[in-house]
Amino acid sequence: MNQMEFPLLLDIEKILIEWQNDSVIDDTKLDSASVDTAKLHAKYLQWLSLAKLQLKKSQINQKSLLKIKWLYYNGKMPPEEIEQRGWEFDPFDGLKVMKGDMNYYYDSDKEIQQSEEKIAYSKTLVETLQEIVETLRWRHTSIGNIIKWKMFQAGG
């Protein structure tokens, strides 16, 4: 996989289901739980890296989209390109729109909304994976606490 090839969207639901399984520490197999921590950390760190790249790609794509939409809404886009994109030639349906009101059109534009949804999804994915990686960083403490508790219960 080269530097800019990665899945378009990591599936947060699948990651959360996988984390539900991976986060369980079997207190009868603490040795393997401890050994597995590094593997789990590597797995989720890889996904975190991909999610960060996905977020950056979505942000870059939105900047390009906003420029194209600015050209379109401000009447600076060539008619051939408008036709090629299948857009209406008059985005305002004959209305005279003041500059201060342009955000209403940008905010209600379906393509811009979809772009913002992708960015919000990617941000949530990054935050979720950061939390998982942080939890894995401290997993040894949880395992240590389980060991101490078992020693206490055994009278030691």
N, C-alpha and C. Protein backbone atom coordinates (compact mmCIF):
# COMPACT_ATOMS: atom_id res chain seq x y z
N MET A 1 0.86 -1.17 0.00
CA MET A 1 0.00 0.00 0.00
C MET A 1 0.90 1.24 0.00
N ASN A 2 0.77 2.11 -1.00
CA ASN A 2 1.61 3.30 -0.99
C ASN A 2 1.04 4.34 -0.03
N GLN A 3 1.73 5.46 0.08
CA GLN A 3 1.42 6.43 1.13
C GLN A 3 0.00 6.98 1.08
N MET A 4 -0.58 7.17 -0.10
CA MET A 4 -1.90 7.80 -0.15
C MET A 4 -3.02 6.82 -0.49
N GLU A 5 -2.75 5.52 -0.54
CA GLU A 5 -3.79 4.53 -0.77
C GLU A 5 -4.26 4.00 0.57
N PHE A 6 -5.54 4.19 0.85
CA PHE A 6 -6.12 3.64 2.05
C PHE A 6 -7.62 3.59 1.84
N PRO A 7 -8.33 2.80 2.64
CA PRO A 7 -9.77 2.68 2.44
C PRO A 7 -10.45 4.04 2.52
N LEU A 8 -11.47 4.22 1.69
CA LEU A 8 -12.18 5.50 1.70
C LEU A 8 -12.78 5.78 3.07
N LEU A 9 -13.40 4.78 3.63
CA LEU A 9 -13.98 4.98 4.96
C LEU A 9 -13.74 3.74 5.82
N LEU A 10 -13.03 3.93 6.90
CA LEU A 10 -12.95 2.87 7.90
C LEU A 10 -14.33 2.79 8.55
N ASP A 11 -14.78 1.63 8.87
CA ASP A 11 -16.11 1.43 9.42
C ASP A 11 -16.07 1.49 10.94
N ILE A 12 -16.57 2.59 11.49
CA ILE A 12 -16.51 2.79 12.94
C ILE A 12 -17.32 1.73 13.70
N GLU A 13 -18.42 1.28 13.12
CA GLU A 13 -19.22 0.26 13.80
C GLU A 13 -18.45 -1.05 13.93
N LYS A 14 -17.76 -1.45 12.87
CA LYS A 14 -16.97 -2.69 12.92
C LYS A 14 -15.81 -2.54 13.91
N ILE A 15 -15.20 -1.37 13.93
CA ILE A 15 -14.10 -1.13 14.87
C ILE A 15 -14.60 -1.20 16.31
N LEU A 16 -15.76 -0.62 16.58
CA LEU A 16 -16.31 -0.66 17.94
C LEU A 16 -16.68 -2.08 18.36
N ILE A 17 -17.22 -2.86 17.45
CA ILE A 17 -17.55 -4.26 17.76
C ILE A 17 -16.26 -5.03 18.04
N GLU A 18 -15.26 -4.80 17.21
CA GLU A 18 -13.98 -5.48 17.40
C GLU A 18 -13.36 -5.06 18.75
N TRP A 19 -13.49 -3.77 19.10
CA TRP A 19 -12.93 -3.30 20.37
C TRP A 19 -13.67 -3.92 21.55
N GLN A 20 -14.97 -4.14 21.42
CA GLN A 20 -15.71 -4.80 22.50
C GLN A 20 -15.10 -6.16 22.81
N ASN A 21 -14.70 -6.87 21.77
CA ASN A 21 -14.07 -8.18 21.96
C ASN A 21 -12.63 -8.04 22.44
N ASP A 22 -11.86 -7.16 21.81
CA ASP A 22 -10.45 -7.01 22.14
C ASP A 22 -10.21 -6.41 23.52
N SER A 23 -11.15 -5.65 24.02
CA SER A 23 -10.93 -4.96 25.30
C SER A 23 -11.11 -5.87 26.51
N VAL A 24 -11.70 -7.02 26.29
CA VAL A 24 -11.94 -7.94 27.39
C VAL A 24 -10.62 -8.54 27.86
N ILE A 25 -10.40 -8.49 29.17
CA ILE A 25 -9.22 -9.11 29.78
C ILE A 25 -9.70 -10.34 30.54
N ASP A 26 -9.31 -11.50 30.06
CA ASP A 26 -9.66 -12.76 30.72
C ASP A 26 -8.75 -12.92 31.94
N ASP A 27 -9.34 -12.82 33.12
CA ASP A 27 -8.51 -12.85 34.33
C ASP A 27 -7.93 -14.23 34.64
N THR A 28 -8.27 -15.21 33.81
CA THR A 28 -7.65 -16.52 33.97
C THR A 28 -6.47 -16.71 33.00
N LYS A 29 -6.30 -15.74 32.11
CA LYS A 29 -5.21 -15.80 31.12
C LYS A 29 -4.48 -14.45 31.07
N LEU A 30 -4.06 -13.98 32.21
CA LEU A 30 -3.43 -12.66 32.28
C LEU A 30 -2.10 -12.60 31.52
N ASP A 31 -1.41 -13.73 31.46
CA ASP A 31 -0.14 -13.74 30.72
C ASP A 31 -0.37 -13.48 29.24
N SER A 32 -1.35 -14.17 28.64
CA SER A 32 -1.62 -13.94 27.21
C SER A 32 -2.25 -12.56 26.99
N ALA A 33 -3.04 -12.09 27.94
CA ALA A 33 -3.62 -10.73 27.82
C ALA A 33 -2.50 -9.70 27.79
N SER A 34 -1.49 -9.92 28.61
CA SER A 34 -0.36 -8.99 28.65
C SER A 34 0.42 -9.02 27.34
N VAL A 35 0.66 -10.22 26.82
CA VAL A 35 1.40 -10.38 25.56
C VAL A 35 0.60 -9.79 24.39
N ASP A 36 -0.71 -9.97 24.41
CA ASP A 36 -1.56 -9.49 23.31
C ASP A 36 -1.66 -7.97 23.26
N THR A 37 -1.32 -7.29 24.34
CA THR A 37 -1.45 -5.84 24.39
C THR A 37 -0.66 -5.16 23.28
N ALA A 38 0.55 -5.59 23.03
CA ALA A 38 1.37 -4.97 21.98
C ALA A 38 0.75 -5.19 20.60
N LYS A 39 0.20 -6.37 20.37
CA LYS A 39 -0.45 -6.65 19.08
C LYS A 39 -1.68 -5.78 18.89
N LEU A 40 -2.46 -5.66 19.96
CA LEU A 40 -3.67 -4.83 19.89
C LEU A 40 -3.30 -3.36 19.67
N HIS A 41 -2.27 -2.92 20.35
CA HIS A 41 -1.81 -1.54 20.20
C HIS A 41 -1.41 -1.29 18.75
N ALA A 42 -0.67 -2.21 18.17
CA ALA A 42 -0.23 -2.06 16.77
C ALA A 42 -1.44 -2.02 15.82
N LYS A 43 -2.40 -2.87 16.07
CA LYS A 43 -3.60 -2.94 15.22
C LYS A 43 -4.38 -1.62 15.24
N TYR A 44 -4.65 -1.13 16.45
CA TYR A 44 -5.45 0.09 16.56
C TYR A 44 -4.65 1.34 16.19
N LEU A 45 -3.35 1.30 16.41
CA LEU A 45 -2.50 2.42 15.99
C LEU A 45 -2.48 2.53 14.46
N GLN A 46 -2.45 1.38 13.79
CA GLN A 46 -2.51 1.39 12.32
C GLN A 46 -3.82 2.00 11.85
N TRP A 47 -4.92 1.58 12.46
CA TRP A 47 -6.22 2.14 12.09
C TRP A 47 -6.29 3.63 12.40
N LEU A 48 -5.69 4.05 13.52
CA LEU A 48 -5.67 5.47 13.86
C LEU A 48 -4.92 6.26 12.80
N SER A 49 -3.80 5.74 12.36
CA SER A 49 -3.02 6.42 11.31
C SER A 49 -3.84 6.55 10.03
N LEU A 50 -4.51 5.47 9.65
CA LEU A 50 -5.35 5.51 8.45
C LEU A 50 -6.51 6.50 8.62
N ALA A 51 -7.08 6.53 9.81
CA ALA A 51 -8.19 7.44 10.07
C ALA A 51 -7.74 8.90 9.98
N LYS A 52 -6.54 9.19 10.47
CA LYS A 52 -6.00 10.55 10.37
C LYS A 52 -5.78 10.94 8.91
N LEU A 53 -5.27 10.01 8.12
CA LEU A 53 -5.10 10.28 6.69
C LEU A 53 -6.44 10.47 6.00
N GLN A 54 -7.41 9.66 6.39
CA GLN A 54 -8.76 9.78 5.84
C GLN A 54 -9.35 11.15 6.16
N LEU A 55 -9.17 11.61 7.38
CA LEU A 55 -9.65 12.92 7.78
C LEU A 55 -8.99 14.01 6.95
N LYS A 56 -7.68 13.94 6.81
CA LYS A 56 -6.94 14.95 6.04
C LYS A 56 -7.42 14.96 4.60
N LYS A 57 -7.62 13.79 4.02
CA LYS A 57 -8.09 13.69 2.63
C LYS A 57 -9.48 14.33 2.50
N SER A 58 -10.35 14.08 3.46
CA SER A 58 -11.70 14.66 3.43
C SER A 58 -11.63 16.19 3.54
N GLN A 59 -10.73 16.69 4.38
CA GLN A 59 -10.59 18.14 4.53
C GLN A 59 -10.05 18.78 3.24
N ILE A 60 -9.09 18.13 2.60
CA ILE A 60 -8.54 18.65 1.34
C ILE A 60 -9.60 18.63 0.26
N ASN A 61 -10.35 17.53 0.18
CA ASN A 61 -11.43 17.43 -0.82
C ASN A 61 -12.48 18.52 -0.60
N GLN A 62 -12.77 18.82 0.66
CA GLN A 62 -13.77 19.86 0.93
C GLN A 62 -13.27 21.23 0.48
N LYS A 63 -12.00 21.50 0.68
CA LYS A 63 -11.46 22.79 0.23
C LYS A 63 -11.62 22.95 -1.28
N SER A 64 -11.34 21.88 -2.01
CA SER A 64 -11.52 21.92 -3.47
C SER A 64 -12.99 22.12 -3.82
N LEU A 65 -13.86 21.40 -3.13
CA LEU A 65 -15.30 21.52 -3.38
C LEU A 65 -15.78 22.94 -3.09
N LEU A 66 -15.32 23.52 -1.99
CA LEU A 66 -15.75 24.87 -1.63
C LEU A 66 -15.30 25.88 -2.69
N LYS A 67 -14.14 25.69 -3.25
CA LYS A 67 -13.68 26.59 -4.32
C LYS A 67 -14.59 26.47 -5.54
N ILE A 68 -14.90 25.23 -5.91
CA ILE A 68 -15.77 25.00 -7.07
C ILE A 68 -17.15 25.61 -6.81
N LYS A 69 -17.67 25.40 -5.63
CA LYS A 69 -19.00 25.95 -5.29
C LYS A 69 -18.96 27.47 -5.24
N TRP A 70 -17.85 28.03 -4.78
CA TRP A 70 -17.72 29.50 -4.75
C TRP A 70 -17.79 30.04 -6.19
N LEU A 71 -17.05 29.41 -7.08
CA LEU A 71 -17.10 29.82 -8.49
C LEU A 71 -18.52 29.72 -9.03
N TYR A 72 -19.20 28.65 -8.71
CA TYR A 72 -20.56 28.41 -9.19
C TYR A 72 -21.53 29.46 -8.65
N TYR A 73 -21.54 29.62 -7.33
CA TYR A 73 -22.51 30.54 -6.72
C TYR A 73 -22.20 32.00 -7.01
N ASN A 74 -20.99 32.33 -7.36
CA ASN A 74 -20.63 33.71 -7.65
C ASN A 74 -20.61 34.01 -9.15
N GLY A 75 -21.11 33.07 -9.95
CA GLY A 75 -21.25 33.30 -11.39
C GLY A 75 -19.93 33.34 -12.13
N LYS A 76 -18.91 32.72 -11.61
CA LYS A 76 -17.59 32.75 -12.23
C LYS A 76 -17.22 31.42 -12.89
N MET A 77 -18.11 30.44 -12.83
CA MET A 77 -17.84 29.14 -13.42
C MET A 77 -18.29 29.15 -14.88
N PRO A 78 -17.44 28.66 -15.78
CA PRO A 78 -17.81 28.62 -17.20
C PRO A 78 -19.08 27.77 -17.41
N PRO A 79 -19.95 28.21 -18.31
CA PRO A 79 -21.20 27.47 -18.56
C PRO A 79 -20.95 26.00 -18.96
N GLU A 80 -19.85 25.75 -19.67
CA GLU A 80 -19.56 24.37 -20.08
C GLU A 80 -19.36 23.47 -18.86
N GLU A 81 -18.67 24.01 -17.85
CA GLU A 81 -18.42 23.22 -16.65
C GLU A 81 -19.71 23.01 -15.86
N ILE A 82 -20.55 24.03 -15.81
CA ILE A 82 -21.84 23.91 -15.13
C ILE A 82 -22.66 22.81 -15.80
N GLU A 83 -22.67 22.83 -17.13
CA GLU A 83 -23.41 21.82 -17.88
C GLU A 83 -22.81 20.43 -17.67
N GLN A 84 -21.50 20.35 -17.68
CA GLN A 84 -20.80 19.08 -17.48
C GLN A 84 -21.13 18.49 -16.12
N ARG A 85 -21.27 19.32 -15.11
CA ARG A 85 -21.58 18.85 -13.76
C ARG A 85 -23.07 18.57 -13.57
N GLY A 86 -23.88 19.01 -14.53
CA GLY A 86 -25.32 18.78 -14.43
C GLY A 86 -26.01 19.70 -13.45
N TRP A 87 -25.43 20.86 -13.20
CA TRP A 87 -26.00 21.81 -12.27
C TRP A 87 -26.88 22.80 -13.01
N GLU A 88 -27.75 23.45 -12.26
CA GLU A 88 -28.60 24.51 -12.82
C GLU A 88 -27.73 25.73 -13.15
N PHE A 89 -28.08 26.43 -14.22
CA PHE A 89 -27.29 27.60 -14.60
C PHE A 89 -27.52 28.77 -13.66
N ASP A 90 -28.70 28.81 -13.03
CA ASP A 90 -28.98 29.87 -12.05
C ASP A 90 -29.27 29.22 -10.70
N PRO A 91 -28.27 29.17 -9.82
CA PRO A 91 -28.49 28.50 -8.53
C PRO A 91 -29.48 29.24 -7.62
N PHE A 92 -29.84 30.46 -7.99
CA PHE A 92 -30.70 31.27 -7.12
C PHE A 92 -32.13 31.39 -7.65
N ASP A 93 -32.44 30.69 -8.72
CA ASP A 93 -33.78 30.73 -9.32
C ASP A 93 -34.26 32.15 -9.57
N GLY A 94 -33.38 33.00 -10.10
CA GLY A 94 -33.74 34.36 -10.46
C GLY A 94 -33.71 35.35 -9.32
N LEU A 95 -33.45 34.90 -8.09
CA LEU A 95 -33.41 35.81 -6.95
C LEU A 95 -32.10 36.59 -6.94
N LYS A 96 -32.16 37.79 -6.43
CA LYS A 96 -30.95 38.60 -6.23
C LYS A 96 -30.50 38.34 -4.79
N VAL A 97 -29.30 37.76 -4.63
CA VAL A 97 -28.82 37.35 -3.31
C VAL A 97 -27.69 38.26 -2.88
N MET A 98 -27.80 38.73 -1.62
CA MET A 98 -26.75 39.58 -1.08
C MET A 98 -25.60 38.71 -0.57
N LYS A 99 -24.39 39.29 -0.55
CA LYS A 99 -23.21 38.54 -0.10
C LYS A 99 -23.41 37.94 1.29
N GLY A 100 -24.05 38.67 2.16
CA GLY A 100 -24.27 38.21 3.54
C GLY A 100 -25.18 37.00 3.63
N ASP A 101 -25.95 36.76 2.58
CA ASP A 101 -26.88 35.63 2.58
C ASP A 101 -26.32 34.39 1.89
N MET A 102 -25.11 34.49 1.36
CA MET A 102 -24.52 33.37 0.61
C MET A 102 -24.35 32.12 1.47
N ASN A 103 -24.06 32.30 2.76
CA ASN A 103 -23.86 31.13 3.62
C ASN A 103 -25.09 30.23 3.69
N TYR A 104 -26.29 30.80 3.52
CA TYR A 104 -27.49 29.98 3.50
C TYR A 104 -27.44 28.99 2.34
N TYR A 105 -26.92 29.45 1.22
CA TYR A 105 -26.83 28.57 0.05
C TYR A 105 -25.72 27.54 0.22
N TYR A 106 -24.58 27.99 0.74
CA TYR A 106 -23.50 27.05 0.99
C TYR A 106 -23.93 25.99 2.01
N ASP A 107 -24.56 26.43 3.10
CA ASP A 107 -24.95 25.51 4.18
C ASP A 107 -26.02 24.51 3.73
N SER A 108 -26.84 24.87 2.76
CA SER A 108 -27.90 23.97 2.32
C SER A 108 -27.52 23.17 1.07
N ASP A 109 -26.31 23.37 0.56
CA ASP A 109 -25.85 22.64 -0.61
C ASP A 109 -25.59 21.18 -0.24
N LYS A 110 -26.22 20.26 -0.94
CA LYS A 110 -26.14 18.83 -0.61
C LYS A 110 -24.71 18.29 -0.68
N GLU A 111 -23.94 18.70 -1.68
CA GLU A 111 -22.57 18.20 -1.81
C GLU A 111 -21.68 18.71 -0.67
N ILE A 112 -21.87 19.95 -0.29
CA ILE A 112 -21.10 20.50 0.83
C ILE A 112 -21.51 19.80 2.13
N GLN A 113 -22.79 19.55 2.30
CA GLN A 113 -23.27 18.84 3.49
C GLN A 113 -22.67 17.43 3.56
N GLN A 114 -22.62 16.73 2.43
CA GLN A 114 -22.03 15.39 2.40
C GLN A 114 -20.55 15.45 2.76
N SER A 115 -19.87 16.46 2.27
CA SER A 115 -18.46 16.63 2.58
C SER A 115 -18.27 16.88 4.07
N GLU A 116 -19.11 17.69 4.65
CA GLU A 116 -19.03 17.97 6.09
C GLU A 116 -19.35 16.73 6.91
N GLU A 117 -20.27 15.90 6.43
CA GLU A 117 -20.58 14.64 7.12
C GLU A 117 -19.36 13.72 7.13
N LYS A 118 -18.65 13.64 6.00
CA LYS A 118 -17.45 12.81 5.93
C LYS A 118 -16.40 13.30 6.92
N ILE A 119 -16.25 14.61 7.01
CA ILE A 119 -15.26 15.18 7.94
C ILE A 119 -15.66 14.88 9.38
N ALA A 120 -16.94 15.05 9.70
CA ALA A 120 -17.42 14.77 11.06
C ALA A 120 -17.23 13.29 11.41
N TYR A 121 -17.53 12.42 10.45
CA TYR A 121 -17.35 10.98 10.65
C TYR A 121 -15.88 10.67 10.91
N SER A 122 -15.02 11.23 10.09
CA SER A 122 -13.58 10.98 10.23
C SER A 122 -13.05 11.51 11.56
N LYS A 123 -13.52 12.68 11.98
CA LYS A 123 -13.09 13.23 13.27
C LYS A 123 -13.53 12.32 14.42
N THR A 124 -14.75 11.82 14.36
CA THR A 124 -15.25 10.92 15.39
C THR A 124 -14.43 9.63 15.41
N LEU A 125 -14.11 9.13 14.23
CA LEU A 125 -13.30 7.92 14.12
C LEU A 125 -11.92 8.13 14.73
N VAL A 126 -11.29 9.26 14.42
CA VAL A 126 -9.97 9.57 14.98
C VAL A 126 -10.05 9.65 16.50
N GLU A 127 -11.04 10.36 17.02
CA GLU A 127 -11.18 10.50 18.47
C GLU A 127 -11.42 9.15 19.14
N THR A 128 -12.23 8.30 18.53
CA THR A 128 -12.52 6.97 19.07
C THR A 128 -11.25 6.13 19.12
N LEU A 129 -10.52 6.12 18.01
CA LEU A 129 -9.29 5.33 17.95
C LEU A 129 -8.22 5.88 18.89
N GLN A 130 -8.17 7.20 19.06
CA GLN A 130 -7.23 7.77 20.02
C GLN A 130 -7.55 7.29 21.43
N GLU A 131 -8.82 7.23 21.75
CA GLU A 131 -9.24 6.76 23.07
C GLU A 131 -8.87 5.29 23.26
N ILE A 132 -9.08 4.48 22.23
CA ILE A 132 -8.74 3.05 22.31
C ILE A 132 -7.23 2.88 22.49
N VAL A 133 -6.44 3.59 21.71
CA VAL A 133 -4.98 3.49 21.82
C VAL A 133 -4.52 3.94 23.20
N GLU A 134 -5.12 5.00 23.71
CA GLU A 134 -4.77 5.47 25.06
C GLU A 134 -5.12 4.42 26.11
N THR A 135 -6.25 3.77 25.96
CA THR A 135 -6.64 2.70 26.89
C THR A 135 -5.64 1.55 26.82
N LEU A 136 -5.22 1.22 25.61
CA LEU A 136 -4.24 0.13 25.46
C LEU A 136 -2.89 0.50 26.08
N ARG A 137 -2.55 1.80 26.05
CA ARG A 137 -1.30 2.24 26.67
C ARG A 137 -1.26 1.93 28.16
N TRP A 138 -2.43 1.96 28.78
CA TRP A 138 -2.51 1.75 30.22
C TRP A 138 -3.05 0.37 30.59
N ARG A 139 -3.17 -0.50 29.62
CA ARG A 139 -3.71 -1.85 29.86
C ARG A 139 -2.86 -2.62 30.87
N HIS A 140 -1.54 -2.41 30.83
CA HIS A 140 -0.67 -3.11 31.78
C HIS A 140 -1.04 -2.79 33.22
N THR A 141 -1.52 -1.57 33.45
CA THR A 141 -1.94 -1.17 34.79
C THR A 141 -3.17 -1.96 35.21
N SER A 142 -4.12 -2.12 34.28
CA SER A 142 -5.32 -2.90 34.59
C SER A 142 -4.96 -4.34 34.90
N ILE A 143 -4.06 -4.90 34.10
CA ILE A 143 -3.63 -6.29 34.33
C ILE A 143 -2.93 -6.39 35.68
N GLY A 144 -2.08 -5.43 35.98
CA GLY A 144 -1.39 -5.40 37.28
C GLY A 144 -2.37 -5.31 38.44
N ASN A 145 -3.41 -4.50 38.27
CA ASN A 145 -4.42 -4.37 39.33
C ASN A 145 -5.19 -5.68 39.54
N ILE A 146 -5.47 -6.38 38.43
CA ILE A 146 -6.15 -7.68 38.55
C ILE A 146 -5.27 -8.66 39.32
N ILE A 147 -3.98 -8.66 39.00
CA ILE A 147 -3.04 -9.55 39.69
C ILE A 147 -3.00 -9.22 41.19
N LYS A 148 -2.91 -7.93 41.51
CA LYS A 148 -2.88 -7.51 42.92
C LYS A 148 -4.17 -7.93 43.64
N TRP A 149 -5.30 -7.79 42.97
CA TRP A 149 -6.57 -8.15 43.57
C TRP A 149 -6.63 -9.65 43.84
N LYS A 150 -6.15 -10.44 42.86
CA LYS A 150 -6.15 -11.90 43.04
C LYS A 150 -5.22 -12.28 44.20
N MET A 151 -4.09 -11.60 44.32
CA MET A 151 -3.16 -11.88 45.43
C MET A 151 -3.82 -11.54 46.76
N PHE A 152 -4.53 -10.42 46.80
CA PHE A 152 -5.23 -10.00 48.02
C PHE A 152 -6.29 -11.02 48.41
N GLN A 153 -7.06 -11.47 47.40
CA GLN A 153 -8.10 -12.47 47.66
C GLN A 153 -7.52 -13.78 48.15
N ALA A 154 -6.31 -14.10 47.69
CA ALA A 154 -5.67 -15.34 48.09
C ALA A 154 -4.96 -15.21 49.45
N GLY A 155 -5.05 -14.01 50.02
CA GLY A 155 -4.48 -13.79 51.35
C GLY A 155 -3.04 -13.34 51.31
N GLY A 156 -2.58 -12.90 50.14
CA GLY A 156 -1.16 -12.53 50.03
C GLY A 156 -0.90 -11.12 49.96
